[in-house]
Amino acid sequence: MKLTPLNITLACVLVWVISEMNLDTEMTFSWGWLITLCVILSLIDLGFRMIFKDLKKLWFAQIAFILVVGILMVVIRVL
């Protein structure tokens, strides 16, 4: 399996959730949402891999996707 930005993002989310488990505070989202997020990110990664065969184009496309989603999340949160 090739290392891609979406795989790195998924790993960061999983590490964040695991580190949050030991705290006495409430989890940010439930296990169901975590599994849904993992499946969605994996399917999006698979889709990008099918569309972009070149690894360099794949990286650029996935980084652009992550940036657009991040910006949209901030804009939606502000509004």
PDB file of N, CA and C in Angstrom:
ATOM      1  N   MET A   1       0.842  -1.177   0.000  1.00  0.00           N
ATOM      2  CA  MET A   1       0.000   0.000   0.000  1.00  0.00           C
ATOM      3  C   MET A   1       0.883   1.235   0.000  1.00  0.00           C
ATOM      4  N   LYS A   2       0.620   2.138  -0.921  1.00  0.00           N
ATOM      5  CA  LYS A   2       1.400   3.363  -1.041  1.00  0.00           C
ATOM      6  C   LYS A   2       0.975   4.369   0.008  1.00  0.00           C
ATOM      7  N   LEU A   3       1.935   5.144   0.459  1.00  0.00           N
ATOM      8  CA  LEU A   3       1.669   6.198   1.434  1.00  0.00           C
ATOM      9  C   LEU A   3       1.109   7.409   0.696  1.00  0.00           C
ATOM     10  N   THR A   4      -0.074   7.860   1.109  1.00  0.00           N
ATOM     11  CA  THR A   4      -0.721   9.011   0.489  1.00  0.00           C
ATOM     12  C   THR A   4      -1.205   9.969   1.575  1.00  0.00           C
ATOM     13  N   PRO A   5      -1.510  11.205   1.211  1.00  0.00           N
ATOM     14  CA  PRO A   5      -1.991  12.166   2.215  1.00  0.00           C
ATOM     15  C   PRO A   5      -3.259  11.723   2.938  1.00  0.00           C
ATOM     16  N   LEU A   6      -4.171  11.044   2.254  1.00  0.00           N
ATOM     17  CA  LEU A   6      -5.386  10.581   2.929  1.00  0.00           C
ATOM     18  C   LEU A   6      -5.075   9.472   3.928  1.00  0.00           C
ATOM     19  N   ASN A   7      -4.091   8.625   3.628  1.00  0.00           N
ATOM     20  CA  ASN A   7      -3.676   7.606   4.594  1.00  0.00           C
ATOM     21  C   ASN A   7      -3.050   8.258   5.828  1.00  0.00           C
ATOM     22  N   ILE A   8      -2.249   9.285   5.596  1.00  0.00           N
ATOM     23  CA  ILE A   8      -1.633  10.010   6.712  1.00  0.00           C
ATOM     24  C   ILE A   8      -2.710  10.696   7.558  1.00  0.00           C
ATOM     25  N   THR A   9      -3.694  11.298   6.902  1.00  0.00           N
ATOM     26  CA  THR A   9      -4.800  11.946   7.608  1.00  0.00           C
ATOM     27  C   THR A   9      -5.575  10.937   8.447  1.00  0.00           C
ATOM     28  N   LEU A  10      -5.860   9.790   7.873  1.00  0.00           N
ATOM     29  CA  LEU A  10      -6.580   8.743   8.597  1.00  0.00           C
ATOM     30  C   LEU A  10      -5.777   8.262   9.803  1.00  0.00           C
ATOM     31  N   ALA A  11      -4.470   8.098   9.643  1.00  0.00           N
ATOM     32  CA  ALA A  11      -3.621   7.677  10.754  1.00  0.00           C
ATOM     33  C   ALA A  11      -3.612   8.727  11.865  1.00  0.00           C
ATOM     34  N   CYS A  12      -3.558  10.002  11.490  1.00  0.00           N
ATOM     35  CA  CYS A  12      -3.582  11.078  12.493  1.00  0.00           C
ATOM     36  C   CYS A  12      -4.895  11.091  13.263  1.00  0.00           C
ATOM     37  N   VAL A  13      -6.005  10.893  12.568  1.00  0.00           N
ATOM     38  CA  VAL A  13      -7.314  10.864  13.236  1.00  0.00           C
ATOM     39  C   VAL A  13      -7.380   9.690  14.204  1.00  0.00           C
ATOM     40  N   LEU A  14      -6.908   8.525  13.782  1.00  0.00           N
ATOM     41  CA  LEU A  14      -6.951   7.349  14.657  1.00  0.00           C
ATOM     42  C   LEU A  14      -6.064   7.529  15.885  1.00  0.00           C
ATOM     43  N   VAL A  15      -4.874   8.097  15.708  1.00  0.00           N
ATOM     44  CA  VAL A  15      -3.991   8.351  16.852  1.00  0.00           C
ATOM     45  C   VAL A  15      -4.626   9.364  17.792  1.00  0.00           C
ATOM     46  N   TRP A  16      -5.273  10.389  17.246  1.00  0.00           N
ATOM     47  CA  TRP A  16      -5.941  11.402  18.065  1.00  0.00           C
ATOM     48  C   TRP A  16      -7.055  10.768  18.897  1.00  0.00           C
ATOM     49  N   VAL A  17      -7.856   9.903  18.291  1.00  0.00           N
ATOM     50  CA  VAL A  17      -8.954   9.254  19.007  1.00  0.00           C
ATOM     51  C   VAL A  17      -8.412   8.311  20.080  1.00  0.00           C
ATOM     52  N   ILE A  18      -7.373   7.560  19.767  1.00  0.00           N
ATOM     53  CA  ILE A  18      -6.793   6.641  20.745  1.00  0.00           C
ATOM     54  C   ILE A  18      -6.207   7.414  21.919  1.00  0.00           C
ATOM     55  N   SER A  19      -5.552   8.544  21.647  1.00  0.00           N
ATOM     56  CA  SER A  19      -4.987   9.333  22.738  1.00  0.00           C
ATOM     57  C   SER A  19      -6.083   9.981  23.575  1.00  0.00           C
ATOM     58  N   GLU A  20      -7.239  10.231  22.975  1.00  0.00           N
ATOM     59  CA  GLU A  20      -8.354  10.844  23.686  1.00  0.00           C
ATOM     60  C   GLU A  20      -9.086   9.832  24.572  1.00  0.00           C
ATOM     61  N   MET A  21      -8.928   8.555  24.302  1.00  0.00           N
ATOM     62  CA  MET A  21      -9.635   7.517  25.063  1.00  0.00           C
ATOM     63  C   MET A  21      -9.208   7.492  26.527  1.00  0.00           C
ATOM     64  N   ASN A  22      -7.962   7.799  26.812  1.00  0.00           N
ATOM     65  CA  ASN A  22      -7.457   7.715  28.171  1.00  0.00           C
ATOM     66  C   ASN A  22      -7.886   8.887  29.050  1.00  0.00           C
ATOM     67  N   LEU A  23      -8.370   9.942  28.450  1.00  0.00           N
ATOM     68  CA  LEU A  23      -8.798  11.107  29.215  1.00  0.00           C
ATOM     69  C   LEU A  23     -10.173  10.855  29.823  1.00  0.00           C
ATOM     70  N   ASP A  24     -10.481  11.550  30.892  1.00  0.00           N
ATOM     71  CA  ASP A  24     -11.774  11.393  31.554  1.00  0.00           C
ATOM     72  C   ASP A  24     -12.877  12.193  30.886  1.00  0.00           C
ATOM     73  N   THR A  25     -12.534  12.968  29.876  1.00  0.00           N
ATOM     74  CA  THR A  25     -13.541  13.779  29.194  1.00  0.00           C
ATOM     75  C   THR A  25     -14.295  12.944  28.168  1.00  0.00           C
ATOM     76  N   GLU A  26     -15.390  13.495  27.698  1.00  0.00           N
ATOM     77  CA  GLU A  26     -16.216  12.811  26.706  1.00  0.00           C
ATOM     78  C   GLU A  26     -15.520  12.829  25.343  1.00  0.00           C
ATOM     79  N   MET A  27     -15.669  11.742  24.585  1.00  0.00           N
ATOM     80  CA  MET A  27     -15.057  11.660  23.257  1.00  0.00           C
ATOM     81  C   MET A  27     -15.701  12.685  22.320  1.00  0.00           C
ATOM     82  N   THR A  28     -14.925  13.154  21.347  1.00  0.00           N
ATOM     83  CA  THR A  28     -15.415  14.151  20.403  1.00  0.00           C
ATOM     84  C   THR A  28     -16.524  13.583  19.536  1.00  0.00           C
ATOM     85  N   PHE A  29     -16.374  12.348  19.067  1.00  0.00           N
ATOM     86  CA  PHE A  29     -17.431  11.690  18.303  1.00  0.00           C
ATOM     87  C   PHE A  29     -17.446  10.210  18.645  1.00  0.00           C
ATOM     88  N   SER A  30     -18.539   9.553  18.341  1.00  0.00           N
ATOM     89  CA  SER A  30     -18.748   8.168  18.757  1.00  0.00           C
ATOM     90  C   SER A  30     -17.967   7.201  17.879  1.00  0.00           C
ATOM     91  N   TRP A  31     -17.967   5.934  18.306  1.00  0.00           N
ATOM     92  CA  TRP A  31     -17.284   4.884  17.551  1.00  0.00           C
ATOM     93  C   TRP A  31     -17.924   4.692  16.181  1.00  0.00           C
ATOM     94  N   GLY A  32     -19.228   4.843  16.105  1.00  0.00           N
ATOM     95  CA  GLY A  32     -19.920   4.702  14.826  1.00  0.00           C
ATOM     96  C   GLY A  32     -19.452   5.746  13.822  1.00  0.00           C
ATOM     97  N   TRP A  33     -19.322   6.999  14.282  1.00  0.00           N
ATOM     98  CA  TRP A  33     -18.845   8.057  13.396  1.00  0.00           C
ATOM     99  C   TRP A  33     -17.382   7.842  13.030  1.00  0.00           C
ATOM    100  N   LEU A  34     -16.593   7.309  13.946  1.00  0.00           N
ATOM    101  CA  LEU A  34     -15.187   7.031  13.657  1.00  0.00           C
ATOM    102  C   LEU A  34     -15.063   5.964  12.570  1.00  0.00           C
ATOM    103  N   ILE A  35     -15.834   4.903  12.681  1.00  0.00           N
ATOM    104  CA  ILE A  35     -15.809   3.844  11.668  1.00  0.00           C
ATOM    105  C   ILE A  35     -16.295   4.380  10.333  1.00  0.00           C
ATOM    106  N   THR A  36     -17.354   5.199  10.360  1.00  0.00           N
ATOM    107  CA  THR A  36     -17.863   5.811   9.130  1.00  0.00           C
ATOM    108  C   THR A  36     -16.796   6.687   8.484  1.00  0.00           C
ATOM    109  N   LEU A  37     -16.100   7.491   9.282  1.00  0.00           N
ATOM    110  CA  LEU A  37     -15.032   8.347   8.764  1.00  0.00           C
ATOM    111  C   LEU A  37     -13.916   7.520   8.148  1.00  0.00           C
ATOM    112  N   CYS A  38     -13.528   6.434   8.801  1.00  0.00           N
ATOM    113  CA  CYS A  38     -12.468   5.565   8.273  1.00  0.00           C
ATOM    114  C   CYS A  38     -12.876   4.950   6.936  1.00  0.00           C
ATOM    115  N   VAL A  39     -14.102   4.481   6.846  1.00  0.00           N
ATOM    116  CA  VAL A  39     -14.585   3.877   5.599  1.00  0.00           C
ATOM    117  C   VAL A  39     -14.648   4.919   4.487  1.00  0.00           C
ATOM    118  N   ILE A  40     -15.168   6.110   4.795  1.00  0.00           N
ATOM    119  CA  ILE A  40     -15.281   7.162   3.781  1.00  0.00           C
ATOM    120  C   ILE A  40     -13.899   7.595   3.288  1.00  0.00           C
ATOM    121  N   LEU A  41     -12.952   7.816   4.202  1.00  0.00           N
ATOM    122  CA  LEU A  41     -11.603   8.201   3.789  1.00  0.00           C
ATOM    123  C   LEU A  41     -10.935   7.108   2.968  1.00  0.00           C
ATOM    124  N   SER A  42     -11.160   5.852   3.326  1.00  0.00           N
ATOM    125  CA  SER A  42     -10.579   4.746   2.560  1.00  0.00           C
ATOM    126  C   SER A  42     -11.174   4.668   1.157  1.00  0.00           C
ATOM    127  N   LEU A  43     -12.477   4.873   1.045  1.00  0.00           N
ATOM    128  CA  LEU A  43     -13.128   4.839  -0.270  1.00  0.00           C
ATOM    129  C   LEU A  43     -12.692   6.020  -1.139  1.00  0.00           C
ATOM    130  N   ILE A  44     -12.552   7.192  -0.542  1.00  0.00           N
ATOM    131  CA  ILE A  44     -12.081   8.355  -1.292  1.00  0.00           C
ATOM    132  C   ILE A  44     -10.650   8.125  -1.763  1.00  0.00           C
ATOM    133  N   ASP A  45      -9.810   7.554  -0.885  1.00  0.00           N
ATOM    134  CA  ASP A  45      -8.437   7.244  -1.264  1.00  0.00           C
ATOM    135  C   ASP A  45      -8.412   6.250  -2.424  1.00  0.00           C
ATOM    136  N   LEU A  46      -9.240   5.235  -2.367  1.00  0.00           N
ATOM    137  CA  LEU A  46      -9.328   4.252  -3.441  1.00  0.00           C
ATOM    138  C   LEU A  46      -9.782   4.901  -4.745  1.00  0.00           C
ATOM    139  N   GLY A  47     -10.765   5.799  -4.648  1.00  0.00           N
ATOM    140  CA  GLY A  47     -11.229   6.512  -5.832  1.00  0.00           C
ATOM    141  C   GLY A  47     -10.134   7.362  -6.463  1.00  0.00           C
ATOM    142  N   PHE A  48      -9.382   8.080  -5.632  1.00  0.00           N
ATOM    143  CA  PHE A  48      -8.273   8.873  -6.151  1.00  0.00           C
ATOM    144  C   PHE A  48      -7.222   7.979  -6.801  1.00  0.00           C
ATOM    145  N   ARG A  49      -6.955   6.825  -6.207  1.00  0.00           N
ATOM    146  CA  ARG A  49      -5.970   5.898  -6.779  1.00  0.00           C
ATOM    147  C   ARG A  49      -6.415   5.374  -8.132  1.00  0.00           C
ATOM    148  N   MET A  50      -7.717   5.181  -8.306  1.00  0.00           N
ATOM    149  CA  MET A  50      -8.226   4.690  -9.581  1.00  0.00           C
ATOM    150  C   MET A  50      -8.183   5.784 -10.646  1.00  0.00           C
ATOM    151  N   ILE A  51      -8.380   7.036 -10.249  1.00  0.00           N
ATOM    152  CA  ILE A  51      -8.387   8.144 -11.199  1.00  0.00           C
ATOM    153  C   ILE A  51      -6.966   8.553 -11.587  1.00  0.00           C
ATOM    154  N   PHE A  52      -6.085   8.695 -10.602  1.00  0.00           N
ATOM    155  CA  PHE A  52      -4.722   9.165 -10.839  1.00  0.00           C
ATOM    156  C   PHE A  52      -3.744   8.008 -10.683  1.00  0.00           C
ATOM    157  N   LYS A  53      -3.153   7.602 -11.792  1.00  0.00           N
ATOM    158  CA  LYS A  53      -2.181   6.499 -11.763  1.00  0.00           C
ATOM    159  C   LYS A  53      -0.794   6.986 -11.359  1.00  0.00           C
ATOM    160  N   ASP A  54      -0.464   8.216 -11.715  1.00  0.00           N
ATOM    161  CA  ASP A  54       0.833   8.784 -11.371  1.00  0.00           C
ATOM    162  C   ASP A  54       0.833   9.198  -9.903  1.00  0.00           C
ATOM    163  N   LEU A  55       1.854   8.776  -9.171  1.00  0.00           N
ATOM    164  CA  LEU A  55       1.911   9.040  -7.730  1.00  0.00           C
ATOM    165  C   LEU A  55       2.018  10.530  -7.423  1.00  0.00           C
ATOM    166  N   LYS A  56       2.728  11.285  -8.255  1.00  0.00           N
ATOM    167  CA  LYS A  56       2.874  12.725  -8.025  1.00  0.00           C
ATOM    168  C   LYS A  56       1.532  13.437  -8.186  1.00  0.00           C
ATOM    169  N   LYS A  57       0.773  13.086  -9.217  1.00  0.00           N
ATOM    170  CA  LYS A  57      -0.550  13.685  -9.420  1.00  0.00           C
ATOM    171  C   LYS A  57      -1.500  13.265  -8.308  1.00  0.00           C
ATOM    172  N   LEU A  58      -1.374  12.036  -7.851  1.00  0.00           N
ATOM    173  CA  LEU A  58      -2.206  11.540  -6.749  1.00  0.00           C
ATOM    174  C   LEU A  58      -1.974  12.360  -5.488  1.00  0.00           C
ATOM    175  N   TRP A  59      -0.707  12.622  -5.172  1.00  0.00           N
ATOM    176  CA  TRP A  59      -0.383  13.418  -3.990  1.00  0.00           C
ATOM    177  C   TRP A  59      -0.943  14.831  -4.096  1.00  0.00           C
ATOM    178  N   PHE A  60      -0.759  15.472  -5.254  1.00  0.00           N
ATOM    179  CA  PHE A  60      -1.282  16.826  -5.434  1.00  0.00           C
ATOM    180  C   PHE A  60      -2.799  16.856  -5.313  1.00  0.00           C
ATOM    181  N   ALA A  61      -3.467  15.880  -5.921  1.00  0.00           N
ATOM    182  CA  ALA A  61      -4.928  15.843  -5.879  1.00  0.00           C
ATOM    183  C   ALA A  61      -5.431  15.620  -4.453  1.00  0.00           C
ATOM    184  N   GLN A  62      -4.806  14.721  -3.723  1.00  0.00           N
ATOM    185  CA  GLN A  62      -5.255  14.443  -2.364  1.00  0.00           C
ATOM    186  C   GLN A  62      -4.955  15.598  -1.413  1.00  0.00           C
ATOM    187  N   ILE A  63      -3.823  16.240  -1.584  1.00  0.00           N
ATOM    188  CA  ILE A  63      -3.522  17.413  -0.749  1.00  0.00           C
ATOM    189  C   ILE A  63      -4.518  18.529  -1.036  1.00  0.00           C
ATOM    190  N   ALA A  64      -4.823  18.740  -2.310  1.00  0.00           N
ATOM    191  CA  ALA A  64      -5.819  19.757  -2.678  1.00  0.00           C
ATOM    192  C   ALA A  64      -7.177  19.405  -2.083  1.00  0.00           C
ATOM    193  N   PHE A  65      -7.562  18.134  -2.123  1.00  0.00           N
ATOM    194  CA  PHE A  65      -8.832  17.691  -1.550  1.00  0.00           C
ATOM    195  C   PHE A  65      -8.878  17.956  -0.048  1.00  0.00           C
ATOM    196  N   ILE A  66      -7.813  17.624   0.654  1.00  0.00           N
ATOM    197  CA  ILE A  66      -7.762  17.842   2.104  1.00  0.00           C
ATOM    198  C   ILE A  66      -7.841  19.333   2.419  1.00  0.00           C
ATOM    199  N   LEU A  67      -7.137  20.163   1.653  1.00  0.00           N
ATOM    200  CA  LEU A  67      -7.185  21.607   1.882  1.00  0.00           C
ATOM    201  C   LEU A  67      -8.578  22.179   1.628  1.00  0.00           C
ATOM    202  N   VAL A  68      -9.216  21.753   0.544  1.00  0.00           N
ATOM    203  CA  VAL A  68     -10.564  22.245   0.235  1.00  0.00           C
ATOM    204  C   VAL A  68     -11.549  21.824   1.320  1.00  0.00           C
ATOM    205  N   VAL A  69     -11.486  20.585   1.753  1.00  0.00           N
ATOM    206  CA  VAL A  69     -12.386  20.117   2.811  1.00  0.00           C
ATOM    207  C   VAL A  69     -12.118  20.873   4.107  1.00  0.00           C
ATOM    208  N   GLY A  70     -10.854  21.098   4.440  1.00  0.00           N
ATOM    209  CA  GLY A  70     -10.518  21.847   5.648  1.00  0.00           C
ATOM    210  C   GLY A  70     -11.023  23.277   5.604  1.00  0.00           C
ATOM    211  N   ILE A  71     -10.849  23.935   4.469  1.00  0.00           N
ATOM    212  CA  ILE A  71     -11.328  25.314   4.317  1.00  0.00           C
ATOM    213  C   ILE A  71     -12.851  25.364   4.406  1.00  0.00           C
ATOM    214  N   LEU A  72     -13.517  24.420   3.754  1.00  0.00           N
ATOM    215  CA  LEU A  72     -14.988  24.372   3.827  1.00  0.00           C
ATOM    216  C   LEU A  72     -15.469  24.140   5.261  1.00  0.00           C
ATOM    217  N   MET A  73     -14.769  23.295   6.001  1.00  0.00           N
ATOM    218  CA  MET A  73     -15.167  23.059   7.393  1.00  0.00           C
ATOM    219  C   MET A  73     -15.039  24.329   8.222  1.00  0.00           C
ATOM    220  N   VAL A  74     -13.983  25.098   8.013  1.00  0.00           N
ATOM    221  CA  VAL A  74     -13.795  26.351   8.752  1.00  0.00           C
ATOM    222  C   VAL A  74     -14.872  27.358   8.357  1.00  0.00           C
ATOM    223  N   VAL A  75     -15.165  27.469   7.062  1.00  0.00           N
ATOM    224  CA  VAL A  75     -16.177  28.416   6.609  1.00  0.00           C
ATOM    225  C   VAL A  75     -17.543  28.049   7.157  1.00  0.00           C
ATOM    226  N   ILE A  76     -17.888  26.770   7.134  1.00  0.00           N
ATOM    227  CA  ILE A  76     -19.175  26.327   7.668  1.00  0.00           C
ATOM    228  C   ILE A  76     -19.247  26.563   9.171  1.00  0.00           C
ATOM    229  N   ARG A  77     -18.142  26.348   9.859  1.00  0.00           N
ATOM    230  CA  ARG A  77     -18.120  26.558  11.318  1.00  0.00           C
ATOM    231  C   ARG A  77     -18.299  28.042  11.675  1.00  0.00           C
ATOM    232  N   VAL A  78     -17.709  28.930  10.865  1.00  0.00           N
ATOM    233  CA  VAL A  78     -17.807  30.364  11.129  1.00  0.00           C
ATOM    234  C   VAL A  78     -19.219  30.864  10.865  1.00  0.00           C
ATOM    235  N   LEU A  79     -19.835  30.351   9.801  1.00  0.00           N
ATOM    236  CA  LEU A  79     -21.191  30.796   9.463  1.00  0.00           C
ATOM    237  C   LEU A  79     -22.133  30.137  10.410  1.00  0.00           C
TER     238      LEU A  79
END
